[in-house]
Amino acid sequence: MKTMYHNPVLLQESVDGLNIKEDGIYVDVTFGGGGHSKEILKRLGSRGRLIAFDQDEDALENKIVDERFTLINENFRYIVQFLKFYGIRKVDGILADFGVSSHQFDKAERGFSTRFEAELDMRMNMKNEVSAHDVVNRYEFDDLRRILFEYGELRNANAIAKKLVEQREKSPLKTTGQLKEALQSFLPKSKEHKILAQVYQAIRIEVNQEIEVIKEFLLQTATLMEAGGRLSVLSYHSLEDRLVKRFIRAGQFEGEPVKDFYGNIDVPFKKIGGLIVPSSEEIVKNNRARSAKLRVAERI
C-alpha cells in the first residue's frame, strides 16, 4: 500500500523549467510521493532515463515501476557518488524540491508538526543518529542560540535558548508538548503558531543538516550538468532561497565573486526567467504552496 502524499507544488512550472529532451537523463533529488518524477517520465521517450533520490524509507512505497526509472534511497548530498555507481557522469537536468514532505508533517510520530503530541525526532532519515531530542537536550547554550537565530531567524534566540537550558536541567524535554510548554512564555496567542514554526524549523534544519546538504548539492550540479542542461529548484523559506539565488548569480554562497580583467564573473549557470511563485488558485488548493519559490538556471 502506497503512502499518501499531497500534490507537488508548481508541478508543471518546475518540470517545464527542465526543458526536457526525450532521450535525456534527468534527476529528481527529492522523490517523495513521486509527483514530479511521474511528470518527468511522461515527457521522456523510450531512451530517456530518470534517477530519483529520497533518504526517507517511507518514500520507497511510492516507487514507480518503469524501466526508465531508478530510485535511490540516499541523501542527495551524495548525488555524484551514486550517479557514478550507476554509470552516469553527466545529466541533462536536475529538479529539487527542498520542502519537507506533507507526509512527514502529517505523520504524527515523526515529530515534524506543531499540531501533534509526539517524541522529539524530526529526522528525515530515521537511520541518522542525531534527533530533535539530542539538539534540545544536549546542545550547548551557544549552539542552541546560534541555530535558533540563524535557522529560525528568531530575534530573541538568546532568551529562548536560555529557557530551554533551564528547563532541561530540571527534566529532559522528550516530547513536542513538553517543548511547547517550556516555551509558553514566548508564545502569545496571536503569534504562537508562527514562533513555534520558527523554533521547529531551526531544530529540523540542524537535525538534518539541511543548509550544508543544499550547499554540497548545488556545488555538485555544476560538475554534473551538460552544457544547456537545466536546474529547477523549489525552496520554501528565505534561507534556502538565498542560497539558490546567490549560487545561480555568483556560483558561490559567501563573499564577492571573482571577476576577470574585464569585470566578468565566471559562473557555471545563467538564470532562466524570473522568480516563479504559485498562483492564488494553487495556494487555495494546496496550502503548502503558499511560501514556495521556484528558480530555474541553465548550465553555460
C-alpha atoms as a PDB file:
ATOM      1  CA  MET A   1       0.000   0.000   0.000  1.00  0.00           C
ATOM      2  CA  LYS A   2       1.414   3.356  -1.074  1.00  0.00           C
ATOM      3  CA  THR A   3       1.851   6.131   1.462  1.00  0.00           C
ATOM      4  CA  MET A   4      -0.350   9.169   0.746  1.00  0.00           C
ATOM      5  CA  TYR A   5       1.431  12.375  -0.219  1.00  0.00           C
ATOM      6  CA  HIS A   6      -0.075  15.722  -1.121  1.00  0.00           C
ATOM      7  CA  ASN A   7       0.076  17.214  -4.602  1.00  0.00           C
ATOM      8  CA  PRO A   8       3.509  18.502  -5.648  1.00  0.00           C
ATOM      9  CA  VAL A   9       3.920  22.273  -5.705  1.00  0.00           C
ATOM     10  CA  LEU A  10       4.329  24.141  -9.024  1.00  0.00           C
ATOM     11  CA  LEU A  11       4.312  20.798 -10.814  1.00  0.00           C
ATOM     12  CA  GLN A  12       4.035  21.959 -14.416  1.00  0.00           C
ATOM     13  CA  GLU A  13       6.220  25.021 -13.933  1.00  0.00           C
ATOM     14  CA  SER A  14       9.090  23.151 -12.255  1.00  0.00           C
ATOM     15  CA  VAL A  15       9.117  20.372 -14.863  1.00  0.00           C
ATOM     16  CA  ASP A  16       8.712  22.884 -17.710  1.00  0.00           C
ATOM     17  CA  GLY A  17      11.845  24.532 -16.342  1.00  0.00           C
ATOM     18  CA  LEU A  18      13.862  21.411 -17.162  1.00  0.00           C
ATOM     19  CA  ASN A  19      13.148  21.871 -20.897  1.00  0.00           C
ATOM     20  CA  ILE A  20      13.121  18.085 -21.217  1.00  0.00           C
ATOM     21  CA  LYS A  21      14.695  16.264 -24.156  1.00  0.00           C
ATOM     22  CA  GLU A  22      13.021  12.938 -24.880  1.00  0.00           C
ATOM     23  CA  ASP A  23      16.280  10.978 -24.791  1.00  0.00           C
ATOM     24  CA  GLY A  24      17.850  12.909 -21.906  1.00  0.00           C
ATOM     25  CA  ILE A  25      18.997  11.844 -18.450  1.00  0.00           C
ATOM     26  CA  TYR A  26      17.286  13.618 -15.551  1.00  0.00           C
ATOM     27  CA  VAL A  27      17.446  13.526 -11.760  1.00  0.00           C
ATOM     28  CA  ASP A  28      14.685  14.207  -9.224  1.00  0.00           C
ATOM     29  CA  VAL A  29      16.619  14.544  -5.985  1.00  0.00           C
ATOM     30  CA  THR A  30      13.528  14.784  -3.739  1.00  0.00           C
ATOM     31  CA  PHE A  31      11.238  11.965  -4.859  1.00  0.00           C
ATOM     32  CA  GLY A  32       8.663  11.989  -2.027  1.00  0.00           C
ATOM     33  CA  GLY A  33       5.316  10.894  -3.418  1.00  0.00           C
ATOM     34  CA  GLY A  34       6.702  10.767  -6.942  1.00  0.00           C
ATOM     35  CA  GLY A  35       4.596  13.560  -8.419  1.00  0.00           C
ATOM     36  CA  HIS A  36       7.439  15.394 -10.124  1.00  0.00           C
ATOM     37  CA  SER A  37       9.021  12.132 -11.270  1.00  0.00           C
ATOM     38  CA  LYS A  38       5.806  10.942 -12.889  1.00  0.00           C
ATOM     39  CA  GLU A  39       5.504  14.197 -14.819  1.00  0.00           C
ATOM     40  CA  ILE A  40       9.118  13.957 -15.994  1.00  0.00           C
ATOM     41  CA  LEU A  41       8.576  10.371 -17.171  1.00  0.00           C
ATOM     42  CA  LYS A  42       5.521  11.484 -19.176  1.00  0.00           C
ATOM     43  CA  ARG A  43       7.791  13.765 -21.168  1.00  0.00           C
ATOM     44  CA  LEU A  44      10.635  11.299 -21.703  1.00  0.00           C
ATOM     45  CA  GLY A  45      10.851   8.965 -24.671  1.00  0.00           C
ATOM     46  CA  SER A  46      11.770   5.288 -24.556  1.00  0.00           C
ATOM     47  CA  ARG A  47      15.507   6.101 -24.471  1.00  0.00           C
ATOM     48  CA  GLY A  48      15.210   8.688 -21.698  1.00  0.00           C
ATOM     49  CA  ARG A  49      16.212   7.987 -18.126  1.00  0.00           C
ATOM     50  CA  LEU A  50      15.219   9.307 -14.713  1.00  0.00           C
ATOM     51  CA  ILE A  51      17.125   8.787 -11.459  1.00  0.00           C
ATOM     52  CA  ALA A  52      15.417   9.797  -8.205  1.00  0.00           C
ATOM     53  CA  PHE A  53      16.744  10.209  -4.656  1.00  0.00           C
ATOM     54  CA  ASP A  54      14.962  10.106  -1.305  1.00  0.00           C
ATOM     55  CA  GLN A  55      16.548   9.354   2.078  1.00  0.00           C
ATOM     56  CA  ASP A  56      13.188   8.620   3.738  1.00  0.00           C
ATOM     57  CA  GLU A  57      12.347   4.917   3.589  1.00  0.00           C
ATOM     58  CA  ASP A  58       8.622   5.753   3.549  1.00  0.00           C
ATOM     59  CA  ALA A  59       9.110   7.163   0.029  1.00  0.00           C
ATOM     60  CA  LEU A  60      10.134   3.722  -1.239  1.00  0.00           C
ATOM     61  CA  GLU A  61       6.488   2.690  -1.049  1.00  0.00           C
ATOM     62  CA  ASN A  62       5.810   5.102  -3.920  1.00  0.00           C
ATOM     63  CA  LYS A  63       8.427   3.613  -6.252  1.00  0.00           C
ATOM     64  CA  ILE A  64       7.410   3.839  -9.914  1.00  0.00           C
ATOM     65  CA  VAL A  65       7.527   0.674 -11.979  1.00  0.00           C
ATOM     66  CA  ASP A  66       9.180   1.823 -15.202  1.00  0.00           C
ATOM     67  CA  GLU A  67      12.352   0.501 -16.859  1.00  0.00           C
ATOM     68  CA  ARG A  68      13.495   4.088 -17.408  1.00  0.00           C
ATOM     69  CA  PHE A  69      13.315   4.840 -13.670  1.00  0.00           C
ATOM     70  CA  THR A  70      15.711   4.189 -10.764  1.00  0.00           C
ATOM     71  CA  LEU A  71      15.025   5.199  -7.137  1.00  0.00           C
ATOM     72  CA  ILE A  72      17.994   5.572  -4.774  1.00  0.00           C
ATOM     73  CA  ASN A  73      17.300   5.544  -1.014  1.00  0.00           C
ATOM     74  CA  GLU A  74      20.017   8.050  -0.094  1.00  0.00           C
ATOM     75  CA  ASN A  75      20.535  11.723   0.718  1.00  0.00           C
ATOM     76  CA  PHE A  76      21.035  13.828  -2.416  1.00  0.00           C
ATOM     77  CA  ARG A  77      24.220  15.308  -0.941  1.00  0.00           C
ATOM     78  CA  TYR A  78      25.820  12.126  -2.368  1.00  0.00           C
ATOM     79  CA  ILE A  79      24.461  12.684  -5.879  1.00  0.00           C
ATOM     80  CA  VAL A  80      27.774  12.455  -7.752  1.00  0.00           C
ATOM     81  CA  GLN A  81      28.872   9.354  -5.871  1.00  0.00           C
ATOM     82  CA  PHE A  82      25.690   7.387  -6.560  1.00  0.00           C
ATOM     83  CA  LEU A  83      25.263   8.507 -10.157  1.00  0.00           C
ATOM     84  CA  LYS A  84      28.802   7.273 -10.851  1.00  0.00           C
ATOM     85  CA  PHE A  85      27.808   3.928  -9.327  1.00  0.00           C
ATOM     86  CA  TYR A  86      25.056   3.727 -11.957  1.00  0.00           C
ATOM     87  CA  GLY A  87      27.464   4.718 -14.726  1.00  0.00           C
ATOM     88  CA  ILE A  88      26.224   8.287 -15.053  1.00  0.00           C
ATOM     89  CA  ARG A  89      28.685  11.177 -15.132  1.00  0.00           C
ATOM     90  CA  LYS A  90      26.626  13.845 -16.916  1.00  0.00           C
ATOM     91  CA  VAL A  91      22.901  14.671 -16.860  1.00  0.00           C
ATOM     92  CA  ASP A  92      20.570  16.970 -18.789  1.00  0.00           C
ATOM     93  CA  GLY A  93      18.575  18.303 -15.873  1.00  0.00           C
ATOM     94  CA  ILE A  94      18.073  18.187 -12.119  1.00  0.00           C
ATOM     95  CA  LEU A  95      14.916  19.004 -10.155  1.00  0.00           C
ATOM     96  CA  ALA A  96      14.964  19.679  -6.408  1.00  0.00           C
ATOM     97  CA  ASP A  97      12.044  20.399  -4.059  1.00  0.00           C
ATOM     98  CA  PHE A  98      13.583  21.361  -0.715  1.00  0.00           C
ATOM     99  CA  GLY A  99      10.363  21.348   1.291  1.00  0.00           C
ATOM    100  CA  VAL A 100       9.567  18.828   3.992  1.00  0.00           C
ATOM    101  CA  SER A 101       7.002  16.459   2.518  1.00  0.00           C
ATOM    102  CA  SER A 102       3.396  16.768   3.595  1.00  0.00           C
ATOM    103  CA  HIS A 103       3.567  13.104   4.560  1.00  0.00           C
ATOM    104  CA  GLN A 104       6.327  13.829   7.066  1.00  0.00           C
ATOM    105  CA  PHE A 105       4.347  16.706   8.572  1.00  0.00           C
ATOM    106  CA  ASP A 106       1.175  14.613   8.752  1.00  0.00           C
ATOM    107  CA  LYS A 107       2.744  11.520  10.310  1.00  0.00           C
ATOM    108  CA  ALA A 108       2.478  12.456  13.984  1.00  0.00           C
ATOM    109  CA  GLU A 109       5.176  10.152  15.318  1.00  0.00           C
ATOM    110  CA  ARG A 110       7.847  11.796  13.142  1.00  0.00           C
ATOM    111  CA  GLY A 111       7.651  14.914  15.330  1.00  0.00           C
ATOM    112  CA  PHE A 112       7.782  17.452  12.484  1.00  0.00           C
ATOM    113  CA  SER A 113       4.481  19.169  13.181  1.00  0.00           C
ATOM    114  CA  THR A 114       3.379  21.514  15.947  1.00  0.00           C
ATOM    115  CA  ARG A 115      -0.113  20.001  15.631  1.00  0.00           C
ATOM    116  CA  PHE A 116       0.642  16.650  17.243  1.00  0.00           C
ATOM    117  CA  GLU A 117       1.951  15.341  20.542  1.00  0.00           C
ATOM    118  CA  ALA A 118       4.955  13.163  19.728  1.00  0.00           C
ATOM    119  CA  GLU A 119       8.513  12.398  20.740  1.00  0.00           C
ATOM    120  CA  LEU A 120      11.064  14.956  19.595  1.00  0.00           C
ATOM    121  CA  ASP A 121      12.506  13.424  16.429  1.00  0.00           C
ATOM    122  CA  MET A 122      12.371  15.351  13.104  1.00  0.00           C
ATOM    123  CA  ARG A 123      14.767  13.026  11.278  1.00  0.00           C
ATOM    124  CA  MET A 124      14.142  12.755   7.543  1.00  0.00           C
ATOM    125  CA  ASN A 125      16.353   9.684   7.534  1.00  0.00           C
ATOM    126  CA  MET A 126      15.408   7.534  10.519  1.00  0.00           C
ATOM    127  CA  LYS A 127      18.872   5.934  10.462  1.00  0.00           C
ATOM    128  CA  ASN A 128      20.549   9.214  11.425  1.00  0.00           C
ATOM    129  CA  GLU A 129      21.866   9.291  14.974  1.00  0.00           C
ATOM    130  CA  VAL A 130      21.020  12.918  15.855  1.00  0.00           C
ATOM    131  CA  SER A 131      17.366  13.725  16.524  1.00  0.00           C
ATOM    132  CA  ALA A 132      15.494  16.784  17.773  1.00  0.00           C
ATOM    133  CA  HIS A 133      15.747  15.293  21.274  1.00  0.00           C
ATOM    134  CA  ASP A 134      19.547  15.464  21.059  1.00  0.00           C
ATOM    135  CA  VAL A 135      19.538  19.050  19.825  1.00  0.00           C
ATOM    136  CA  VAL A 136      17.152  20.296  22.514  1.00  0.00           C
ATOM    137  CA  ASN A 137      18.654  18.359  25.423  1.00  0.00           C
ATOM    138  CA  ARG A 138      22.373  18.048  24.648  1.00  0.00           C
ATOM    139  CA  TYR A 139      23.461  21.064  22.632  1.00  0.00           C
ATOM    140  CA  GLU A 140      25.459  23.709  24.470  1.00  0.00           C
ATOM    141  CA  PHE A 141      23.767  27.069  25.065  1.00  0.00           C
ATOM    142  CA  ASP A 142      25.861  28.846  22.401  1.00  0.00           C
ATOM    143  CA  ASP A 143      24.988  26.249  19.767  1.00  0.00           C
ATOM    144  CA  LEU A 144      21.286  26.382  20.608  1.00  0.00           C
ATOM    145  CA  ARG A 145      21.327  30.168  20.389  1.00  0.00           C
ATOM    146  CA  ARG A 146      23.116  30.042  17.050  1.00  0.00           C
ATOM    147  CA  ILE A 147      20.704  27.654  15.341  1.00  0.00           C
ATOM    148  CA  LEU A 148      17.629  29.461  16.710  1.00  0.00           C
ATOM    149  CA  PHE A 149      18.987  32.759  15.394  1.00  0.00           C
ATOM    150  CA  GLU A 150      20.421  31.560  12.081  1.00  0.00           C
ATOM    151  CA  TYR A 151      17.954  28.851  11.108  1.00  0.00           C
ATOM    152  CA  GLY A 152      14.825  30.021  12.916  1.00  0.00           C
ATOM    153  CA  GLU A 153      15.513  33.732  12.355  1.00  0.00           C
ATOM    154  CA  LEU A 154      14.355  34.381  15.917  1.00  0.00           C
ATOM    155  CA  ARG A 155      15.428  37.754  17.320  1.00  0.00           C
ATOM    156  CA  ASN A 156      15.036  36.513  20.894  1.00  0.00           C
ATOM    157  CA  ALA A 157      17.109  33.379  20.257  1.00  0.00           C
ATOM    158  CA  ASN A 158      19.275  34.136  23.276  1.00  0.00           C
ATOM    159  CA  ALA A 159      16.332  34.138  25.692  1.00  0.00           C
ATOM    160  CA  ILE A 160      14.733  31.040  24.147  1.00  0.00           C
ATOM    161  CA  ALA A 161      17.995  29.073  24.300  1.00  0.00           C
ATOM    162  CA  LYS A 162      18.466  30.111  27.931  1.00  0.00           C
ATOM    163  CA  LYS A 163      14.944  28.929  28.763  1.00  0.00           C
ATOM    164  CA  LEU A 164      15.479  25.550  27.114  1.00  0.00           C
ATOM    165  CA  VAL A 165      18.693  25.008  29.052  1.00  0.00           C
ATOM    166  CA  GLU A 166      16.955  25.921  32.337  1.00  0.00           C
ATOM    167  CA  GLN A 167      14.039  23.575  31.662  1.00  0.00           C
ATOM    168  CA  ARG A 168      16.109  20.576  30.599  1.00  0.00           C
ATOM    169  CA  GLU A 169      18.215  20.883  33.748  1.00  0.00           C
ATOM    170  CA  LYS A 170      15.038  20.277  35.727  1.00  0.00           C
ATOM    171  CA  SER A 171      13.813  17.475  33.493  1.00  0.00           C
ATOM    172  CA  PRO A 172      14.663  16.345  29.926  1.00  0.00           C
ATOM    173  CA  LEU A 173      12.365  17.651  27.194  1.00  0.00           C
ATOM    174  CA  LYS A 174      11.186  14.483  25.465  1.00  0.00           C
ATOM    175  CA  THR A 175       8.031  15.444  23.557  1.00  0.00           C
ATOM    176  CA  THR A 176       6.657  18.199  21.359  1.00  0.00           C
ATOM    177  CA  GLY A 177       4.190  19.019  24.121  1.00  0.00           C
ATOM    178  CA  GLN A 178       6.959  19.460  26.686  1.00  0.00           C
ATOM    179  CA  LEU A 179       8.879  21.686  24.272  1.00  0.00           C
ATOM    180  CA  LYS A 180       5.814  23.870  23.737  1.00  0.00           C
ATOM    181  CA  GLU A 181       5.184  24.068  27.481  1.00  0.00           C
ATOM    182  CA  ALA A 182       8.782  25.112  28.123  1.00  0.00           C
ATOM    183  CA  LEU A 183       8.415  27.948  25.616  1.00  0.00           C
ATOM    184  CA  GLN A 184       4.972  29.081  26.754  1.00  0.00           C
ATOM    185  CA  SER A 185       6.184  32.498  27.949  1.00  0.00           C
ATOM    186  CA  PHE A 186       7.403  33.240  24.390  1.00  0.00           C
ATOM    187  CA  LEU A 187       4.137  32.227  22.728  1.00  0.00           C
ATOM    188  CA  PRO A 188       1.490  34.965  22.788  1.00  0.00           C
ATOM    189  CA  LYS A 189      -1.779  33.670  21.332  1.00  0.00           C
ATOM    190  CA  SER A 190      -1.558  35.928  18.280  1.00  0.00           C
ATOM    191  CA  LYS A 191       1.898  34.632  17.319  1.00  0.00           C
ATOM    192  CA  GLU A 192       2.011  31.157  18.868  1.00  0.00           C
ATOM    193  CA  HIS A 193       1.914  29.191  15.626  1.00  0.00           C
ATOM    194  CA  LYS A 194       4.436  31.447  13.845  1.00  0.00           C
ATOM    195  CA  ILE A 195       7.006  31.364  16.656  1.00  0.00           C
ATOM    196  CA  LEU A 196       6.663  27.621  17.208  1.00  0.00           C
ATOM    197  CA  ALA A 197       7.087  27.074  13.468  1.00  0.00           C
ATOM    198  CA  GLN A 198      10.331  29.082  13.570  1.00  0.00           C
ATOM    199  CA  VAL A 199      11.630  27.056  16.525  1.00  0.00           C
ATOM    200  CA  TYR A 200      10.726  23.781  14.797  1.00  0.00           C
ATOM    201  CA  GLN A 201      12.329  24.959  11.563  1.00  0.00           C
ATOM    202  CA  ALA A 202      15.589  25.766  13.342  1.00  0.00           C
ATOM    203  CA  ILE A 203      15.742  22.396  15.093  1.00  0.00           C
ATOM    204  CA  ARG A 204      14.733  20.463  11.961  1.00  0.00           C
ATOM    205  CA  ILE A 205      17.367  22.182   9.810  1.00  0.00           C
ATOM    206  CA  GLU A 206      20.044  21.325  12.372  1.00  0.00           C
ATOM    207  CA  VAL A 207      18.904  17.707  12.763  1.00  0.00           C
ATOM    208  CA  ASN A 208      19.003  17.107   9.022  1.00  0.00           C
ATOM    209  CA  GLN A 209      21.938  19.405   8.212  1.00  0.00           C
ATOM    210  CA  GLU A 210      19.729  20.950   5.552  1.00  0.00           C
ATOM    211  CA  ILE A 211      21.809  24.048   4.813  1.00  0.00           C
ATOM    212  CA  GLU A 212      25.053  22.072   4.466  1.00  0.00           C
ATOM    213  CA  VAL A 213      23.292  19.485   2.285  1.00  0.00           C
ATOM    214  CA  ILE A 214      21.894  22.148  -0.063  1.00  0.00           C
ATOM    215  CA  LYS A 215      25.297  23.796  -0.437  1.00  0.00           C
ATOM    216  CA  GLU A 216      27.030  20.485  -1.175  1.00  0.00           C
ATOM    217  CA  PHE A 217      24.328  19.554  -3.655  1.00  0.00           C
ATOM    218  CA  LEU A 218      24.337  22.839  -5.565  1.00  0.00           C
ATOM    219  CA  LEU A 219      28.112  22.835  -5.947  1.00  0.00           C
ATOM    220  CA  GLN A 220      27.951  19.328  -7.430  1.00  0.00           C
ATOM    221  CA  THR A 221      25.319  20.290 -10.009  1.00  0.00           C
ATOM    222  CA  ALA A 222      27.889  22.334 -11.916  1.00  0.00           C
ATOM    223  CA  THR A 223      30.118  19.297 -12.490  1.00  0.00           C
ATOM    224  CA  LEU A 224      27.192  17.020 -13.354  1.00  0.00           C
ATOM    225  CA  MET A 225      25.273  19.142 -15.822  1.00  0.00           C
ATOM    226  CA  GLU A 226      25.743  19.010 -19.563  1.00  0.00           C
ATOM    227  CA  ALA A 227      26.027  22.391 -21.311  1.00  0.00           C
ATOM    228  CA  GLY A 228      22.471  23.611 -21.812  1.00  0.00           C
ATOM    229  CA  GLY A 229      21.188  21.372 -19.025  1.00  0.00           C
ATOM    230  CA  ARG A 230      18.674  22.848 -16.594  1.00  0.00           C
ATOM    231  CA  LEU A 231      18.490  23.166 -12.808  1.00  0.00           C
ATOM    232  CA  SER A 232      14.947  23.629 -11.435  1.00  0.00           C
ATOM    233  CA  VAL A 233      14.777  24.317  -7.695  1.00  0.00           C
ATOM    234  CA  LEU A 234      11.856  24.828  -5.302  1.00  0.00           C
ATOM    235  CA  SER A 235      12.541  26.375  -1.897  1.00  0.00           C
ATOM    236  CA  TYR A 236      10.199  27.282   0.952  1.00  0.00           C
ATOM    237  CA  HIS A 237      11.968  29.741   3.215  1.00  0.00           C
ATOM    238  CA  SER A 238      14.393  32.622   2.825  1.00  0.00           C
ATOM    239  CA  LEU A 239      17.470  30.682   3.980  1.00  0.00           C
ATOM    240  CA  GLU A 240      17.117  28.166   1.159  1.00  0.00           C
ATOM    241  CA  ASP A 241      16.093  30.683  -1.465  1.00  0.00           C
ATOM    242  CA  ARG A 242      19.048  32.972  -0.709  1.00  0.00           C
ATOM    243  CA  LEU A 243      21.446  30.062  -1.220  1.00  0.00           C
ATOM    244  CA  VAL A 244      19.878  29.145  -4.556  1.00  0.00           C
ATOM    245  CA  LYS A 245      19.686  32.750  -5.772  1.00  0.00           C
ATOM    246  CA  ARG A 246      23.300  33.506  -4.844  1.00  0.00           C
ATOM    247  CA  PHE A 247      24.605  30.257  -6.318  1.00  0.00           C
ATOM    248  CA  ILE A 248      22.926  30.928  -9.658  1.00  0.00           C
ATOM    249  CA  ARG A 249      24.118  34.532  -9.697  1.00  0.00           C
ATOM    250  CA  ALA A 250      27.659  34.094  -8.352  1.00  0.00           C
ATOM    251  CA  GLY A 251      28.495  30.377  -8.307  1.00  0.00           C
ATOM    252  CA  GLN A 252      29.165  30.572  -4.557  1.00  0.00           C
ATOM    253  CA  PHE A 253      27.396  31.334  -1.303  1.00  0.00           C
ATOM    254  CA  GLU A 254      29.538  33.892   0.516  1.00  0.00           C
ATOM    255  CA  GLY A 255      31.880  36.749  -0.292  1.00  0.00           C
ATOM    256  CA  GLU A 256      32.320  38.560  -3.571  1.00  0.00           C
ATOM    257  CA  PRO A 257      32.581  36.526  -6.780  1.00  0.00           C
ATOM    258  CA  VAL A 258      35.909  36.568  -8.615  1.00  0.00           C
ATOM    259  CA  LYS A 259      35.954  38.751 -11.741  1.00  0.00           C
ATOM    260  CA  ASP A 260      38.324  38.596 -14.701  1.00  0.00           C
ATOM    261  CA  PHE A 261      40.287  41.542 -16.148  1.00  0.00           C
ATOM    262  CA  TYR A 262      37.179  42.772 -17.951  1.00  0.00           C
ATOM    263  CA  GLY A 263      34.948  42.568 -14.894  1.00  0.00           C
ATOM    264  CA  ASN A 264      33.128  39.410 -15.970  1.00  0.00           C
ATOM    265  CA  ILE A 265      32.118  36.795 -13.402  1.00  0.00           C
ATOM    266  CA  ASP A 266      32.895  33.175 -14.240  1.00  0.00           C
ATOM    267  CA  VAL A 267      29.743  31.357 -13.157  1.00  0.00           C
ATOM    268  CA  PRO A 268      28.524  27.862 -14.134  1.00  0.00           C
ATOM    269  CA  PHE A 269      24.855  28.776 -14.627  1.00  0.00           C
ATOM    270  CA  LYS A 270      22.740  31.561 -16.054  1.00  0.00           C
ATOM    271  CA  LYS A 271      19.255  32.219 -14.746  1.00  0.00           C
ATOM    272  CA  ILE A 272      16.267  31.425 -16.938  1.00  0.00           C
ATOM    273  CA  GLY A 273      13.342  33.779 -16.452  1.00  0.00           C
ATOM    274  CA  GLY A 274      12.469  35.330 -13.123  1.00  0.00           C
ATOM    275  CA  LEU A 275      11.270  34.083  -9.784  1.00  0.00           C
ATOM    276  CA  ILE A 276       8.156  31.913 -10.097  1.00  0.00           C
ATOM    277  CA  VAL A 277       5.594  31.677  -7.278  1.00  0.00           C
ATOM    278  CA  PRO A 278       2.317  29.758  -7.070  1.00  0.00           C
ATOM    279  CA  SER A 279      -0.924  31.296  -8.253  1.00  0.00           C
ATOM    280  CA  SER A 280      -3.624  32.182  -5.736  1.00  0.00           C
ATOM    281  CA  GLU A 281      -5.658  29.290  -7.163  1.00  0.00           C
ATOM    282  CA  GLU A 282      -2.895  26.770  -6.413  1.00  0.00           C
ATOM    283  CA  ILE A 283      -2.473  28.115  -2.873  1.00  0.00           C
ATOM    284  CA  VAL A 284      -6.211  27.652  -2.250  1.00  0.00           C
ATOM    285  CA  LYS A 285      -5.975  24.034  -3.436  1.00  0.00           C
ATOM    286  CA  ASN A 286      -2.661  23.308  -1.687  1.00  0.00           C
ATOM    287  CA  ASN A 287      -1.814  25.448   1.341  1.00  0.00           C
ATOM    288  CA  ARG A 288       1.728  24.018   1.368  1.00  0.00           C
ATOM    289  CA  ALA A 289       2.389  26.047  -1.791  1.00  0.00           C
ATOM    290  CA  ARG A 290       1.978  29.436  -0.091  1.00  0.00           C
ATOM    291  CA  SER A 291       5.697  30.014   0.586  1.00  0.00           C
ATOM    292  CA  ALA A 292       7.153  28.206  -2.434  1.00  0.00           C
ATOM    293  CA  LYS A 293       9.655  29.883  -4.757  1.00  0.00           C
ATOM    294  CA  LEU A 294      10.917  28.373  -7.993  1.00  0.00           C
ATOM    295  CA  ARG A 295      14.179  29.354  -9.683  1.00  0.00           C
ATOM    296  CA  VAL A 296      15.485  27.892 -12.933  1.00  0.00           C
ATOM    297  CA  ALA A 297      19.023  28.060 -14.320  1.00  0.00           C
ATOM    298  CA  GLU A 298      20.862  26.712 -17.348  1.00  0.00           C
ATOM    299  CA  ARG A 299      24.405  25.332 -17.471  1.00  0.00           C
ATOM    300  CA  ILE A 300      26.629  27.576 -19.519  1.00  0.00           C
END
